[in-house]
Protein backbone atom coordinates (compact mmCIF):
# COMPACT_ATOMS: atom_id res chain seq x y z
CA MET A 1 156.21 -113.09 18.51
CA ILE A 2 155.01 -111.35 21.64
CA ASP A 3 151.57 -112.15 22.98
CA PRO A 4 150.53 -109.30 25.31
CA LEU A 5 147.94 -110.05 27.96
CA MET A 6 146.24 -106.72 28.31
CA TRP A 7 145.45 -105.13 31.62
CA ASN A 8 142.50 -105.98 33.85
CA GLY A 9 140.47 -103.09 35.21
CA GLN A 10 142.37 -101.05 37.78
CA PHE A 11 145.79 -102.41 36.85
CA ALA A 12 146.74 -100.81 33.54
CA GLY A 13 149.44 -103.34 32.84
CA VAL A 14 150.96 -105.85 30.51
CA ILE A 15 152.49 -109.22 31.11
CA PHE A 16 154.62 -110.25 28.20
CA ASN A 17 154.53 -113.88 27.23
CA ALA A 18 155.66 -115.41 24.00
CA ARG A 19 155.33 -118.48 21.88
CA MET A 20 158.62 -120.28 21.41
CA ASN A 21 158.88 -120.05 17.63
CA ASN A 22 162.61 -119.91 18.26
CA VAL A 23 164.79 -118.88 21.15
CA ARG A 24 166.32 -115.83 19.48
CA SER A 25 163.06 -114.15 18.43
CA TYR A 26 161.62 -114.95 21.85
CA LEU A 27 164.40 -113.11 23.62
CA LEU A 28 164.68 -110.30 21.10
CA ALA A 29 161.03 -109.55 21.78
CA SER A 30 161.75 -108.99 25.45
CA ALA A 31 160.34 -112.40 26.27
CA PHE A 32 161.23 -112.55 29.91
CA LEU A 33 158.71 -111.87 32.64
CA PHE A 34 158.05 -108.13 32.63
CA CYS A 35 155.09 -106.67 34.52
CA LEU A 36 153.67 -103.16 34.43
CA THR A 37 150.93 -102.95 37.01
CA GLY A 38 150.17 -99.34 36.20
CA VAL A 39 151.85 -96.01 36.84
CA GLY A 40 151.29 -95.03 40.46
CA SER A 41 148.62 -97.69 40.93
CA GLN A 42 148.31 -99.45 44.25
CA VAL A 43 149.36 -103.05 44.58
CA GLN A 44 146.87 -104.81 46.84
CA GLY A 45 145.96 -101.48 48.38
CA GLN A 46 149.49 -100.60 49.45
CA THR A 47 152.43 -98.65 48.13
CA ALA A 48 156.05 -99.10 49.07
CA PRO A 49 157.30 -96.90 51.95
CA PRO A 50 160.35 -94.67 51.63
CA ALA A 51 163.53 -96.68 51.95
CA ALA A 52 165.69 -96.29 55.04
CA SER A 53 168.77 -96.49 52.82
CA SER A 54 168.75 -95.95 49.08
CA LEU A 55 171.62 -98.32 48.17
CA ARG A 56 170.48 -101.59 46.61
CA ASP A 57 172.46 -104.63 45.48
CA VAL A 58 170.70 -106.95 43.03
CA SER A 59 172.90 -109.95 42.27
CA GLY A 60 175.96 -107.70 42.17
CA LEU A 61 174.37 -104.76 40.34
CA LYS A 62 174.21 -101.67 42.53
CA LEU A 63 171.76 -98.78 42.29
CA ASN A 64 170.19 -96.05 44.38
CA CYS A 65 166.47 -96.56 44.95
CA PRO A 66 164.64 -94.14 47.29
CA VAL A 67 161.72 -96.58 47.78
CA THR A 68 161.64 -100.04 49.32
CA LEU A 69 161.93 -102.88 46.82
CA GLU A 70 160.04 -106.10 47.42
CA LYS A 71 160.61 -109.50 45.88
CA LYS A 72 158.07 -110.58 43.29
CA VAL A 73 156.95 -114.15 42.79
CA SER A 74 158.65 -115.39 39.64
CA LYS A 75 155.98 -117.18 37.65
CA PRO A 76 157.10 -120.00 35.37
CA ILE A 77 157.66 -119.04 31.73
CA PRO A 78 157.56 -122.12 29.49
CA GLY A 79 160.62 -122.26 27.26
CA LEU A 80 162.49 -119.42 28.97
CA ASP A 81 163.02 -121.15 32.29
CA ASP A 82 164.88 -123.94 30.51
CA LEU A 83 167.46 -121.36 29.40
CA LEU A 84 168.11 -119.97 32.88
CA VAL A 85 170.18 -120.97 35.87
CA SER A 86 168.35 -118.55 38.17
CA ARG A 87 166.22 -115.42 38.15
CA GLU A 88 165.03 -112.81 40.61
CA SER A 89 162.30 -110.18 40.32
CA LEU A 90 162.02 -107.05 42.48
CA GLY A 91 159.61 -104.16 42.31
CA ALA A 92 157.94 -101.23 43.99
CA VAL A 93 155.07 -98.84 43.38
CA ALA A 94 155.28 -95.51 45.20
CA GLU A 95 154.96 -91.77 44.71
CA GLY A 96 153.79 -92.05 41.11
CA VAL A 97 156.61 -94.38 40.04
CA GLU A 98 156.65 -98.08 39.31
CA VAL A 99 160.01 -99.82 39.52
CA SER A 100 160.67 -103.25 38.00
CA ILE A 101 164.01 -105.04 38.26
CA GLU A 102 164.86 -108.40 36.72
CA SER A 103 168.05 -110.38 37.31
CA GLN A 104 168.54 -113.54 35.27
CA GLU A 105 171.50 -115.89 34.90
CA PHE A 106 171.56 -117.58 31.50
CA LYS A 107 173.09 -120.91 30.57
CA ASP A 108 174.14 -119.27 27.28
CA ILE A 109 174.05 -115.47 27.41
CA SER A 110 175.03 -115.15 23.72
CA ILE A 111 171.41 -115.67 22.64
CA LEU A 112 170.32 -112.42 24.32
CA SER A 113 170.26 -109.06 22.50
CA LEU A 114 170.02 -105.98 24.72
CA GLN A 115 168.91 -103.80 21.81
CA GLY A 116 166.21 -106.35 21.06
CA ALA A 117 165.13 -106.55 24.69
CA ALA A 118 164.82 -102.77 24.99
CA GLY A 119 162.98 -102.56 21.69
CA GLY A 120 160.62 -105.34 22.72
CA SER A 121 159.81 -103.51 25.95
CA ALA A 122 159.05 -100.30 24.03
CA ASP A 123 156.88 -102.22 21.56
CA GLY A 124 154.84 -103.72 24.37
CA ILE A 125 154.33 -100.42 26.19
CA SER A 126 153.23 -98.83 22.91
CA LYS A 127 150.31 -101.29 22.85
CA LEU A 128 148.85 -100.12 26.16
CA GLU A 129 145.38 -98.64 25.88
CA GLY A 130 145.44 -94.87 25.46
CA ILE A 131 149.03 -94.63 24.22
CA GLN A 132 149.48 -91.95 21.57
CA ASN A 133 152.53 -90.50 19.80
CA PRO A 134 155.09 -92.87 21.33
CA THR A 135 158.76 -92.05 20.85
CA ARG A 136 161.78 -94.06 21.90
CA ASN A 137 165.52 -93.67 22.13
CA ILE A 138 167.66 -96.79 22.53
CA GLN A 139 171.40 -96.31 22.88
CA ASP A 140 174.43 -98.34 23.89
CA VAL A 141 175.92 -96.96 27.09
CA VAL A 142 179.08 -97.63 29.07
CA ILE A 143 178.74 -98.95 32.61
CA PRO A 144 182.15 -99.72 34.15
CA GLY A 145 182.39 -103.43 34.87
CA ALA A 146 179.61 -104.44 32.46
CA ASP A 147 180.19 -106.39 29.27
CA SER A 148 177.46 -104.40 27.52
CA ALA A 149 174.61 -102.07 28.44
CA VAL A 150 171.71 -100.30 26.73
CA ARG A 151 169.58 -97.34 27.84
CA LEU A 152 165.92 -97.00 26.87
CA SER A 153 164.05 -93.69 27.06
CA PHE A 154 160.39 -93.85 26.05
CA LYS A 155 157.75 -91.13 26.01
CA ALA A 156 154.10 -91.09 24.99
CA ASN A 157 150.85 -89.28 25.66
CA ARG A 158 148.37 -91.33 27.67
CA PHE A 159 144.99 -90.10 28.83
CA GLY A 160 146.13 -86.48 28.62
CA LYS A 161 149.40 -86.96 30.48
CA GLU A 162 152.94 -87.71 29.39
CA LEU A 163 154.07 -91.20 30.27
CA ARG A 164 157.80 -91.83 30.60
CA VAL A 165 159.73 -95.06 30.77
CA GLU A 166 163.43 -95.08 31.60
CA GLY A 167 165.26 -98.38 31.54
CA VAL A 168 168.73 -99.88 31.65
CA TYR A 169 169.57 -103.34 30.27
CA VAL A 170 172.89 -104.85 31.31
CA ILE A 171 174.95 -107.99 30.67
CA LYS A 172 177.93 -109.07 32.74
CA GLY A 173 179.26 -112.57 32.34
CA SER A 174 176.31 -114.94 32.17
CA ARG A 175 173.93 -112.59 34.01
CA TYR A 176 171.40 -110.13 32.61
CA TRP A 177 169.66 -107.28 34.44
CA MET A 178 166.74 -105.07 33.49
CA VAL A 179 166.08 -101.94 35.58
CA MET A 180 162.94 -100.07 34.52
CA CYS A 181 161.03 -97.10 35.91
CA ILE A 182 157.60 -96.07 34.66
CA PHE A 183 156.16 -92.71 35.69
CA GLU A 184 154.07 -89.75 34.60
CA ASN A 185 156.15 -86.72 33.68
CA THR A 186 154.00 -84.44 35.84
CA GLY A 187 155.40 -84.73 39.35
CA SER A 188 158.87 -83.59 40.35
CA ARG A 189 159.16 -86.37 42.93
CA SER A 190 158.28 -89.17 40.50
CA VAL A 191 160.69 -87.80 37.89
CA PHE A 192 163.43 -87.54 40.52
CA ILE A 193 162.96 -91.13 41.68
CA GLY A 194 162.83 -92.55 38.17
CA GLU A 195 165.87 -90.70 36.90
CA THR A 196 167.87 -91.31 40.09
CA ILE A 197 167.45 -95.07 39.81
CA VAL A 198 168.43 -95.52 36.16
CA LYS A 199 171.32 -93.05 36.33
CA SER A 200 172.80 -94.75 39.41
CA VAL A 201 173.16 -98.27 37.96
CA ARG A 202 176.73 -99.48 38.48
CA PHE A 203 178.92 -102.32 39.69
CA GLU A 204 181.44 -100.41 41.79
C-alpha cells in the first residue's frame, strides 16, 4: 500500500514510501524511491545547464539526454534497501522537463513486476493536487539486450495545462532501471527533450 507524502509549497511533488505489508505488493506499487519535484520547478534556485554531450551511461543503460544529469542522494528506504545490492539516482530539472533515473541491483529480481511498477507510478501521479482526467498507456516493449521492458505514457489536465509523463522500466539480469520524464505538453523544447530521452533508451 503506497503512502504518498504530498508536496510542500513550491515543490509540487510526491515521494513514494510504503509500508512493508509484503515485498511483492511493496514493489508492485512502485515502492522504490521516486521523486517528482515539480514540472519545470527550480531545485534550490538552479536548473541543469545544457549538456556538452547528450550520451549517458547509467550502470550499462545508455540514453541520450540533452541536459546535465546530477546524482541524487539516495535516502534509506526501510525494507527495500535490504533487497538491494546497490542503487543510484540521477536527475535534472531544465527547460520545463524533469528527468528522474533510478538504477537498482536486486538480490532477487524475480520479485519485481515492471507492469506493477509503471502502474504504481501512474497511480501516484494521479494523486497530485489538480490532476484531472488522467489517462495511461502501459505496454511491453522490446529493447535489444534487455530481459524485459515496459513503456508508460501518462497524460492529465493540471491547472489548465496538459501534463505528460513518459517512462521506461527495464530489467536486465539482476538490475532494474526506471527512466522517467515529466513535462507540460505546451513547449516544443520540453516535449523534444522528454521524448528524446525515453525513445533513446538502449544497451548497444
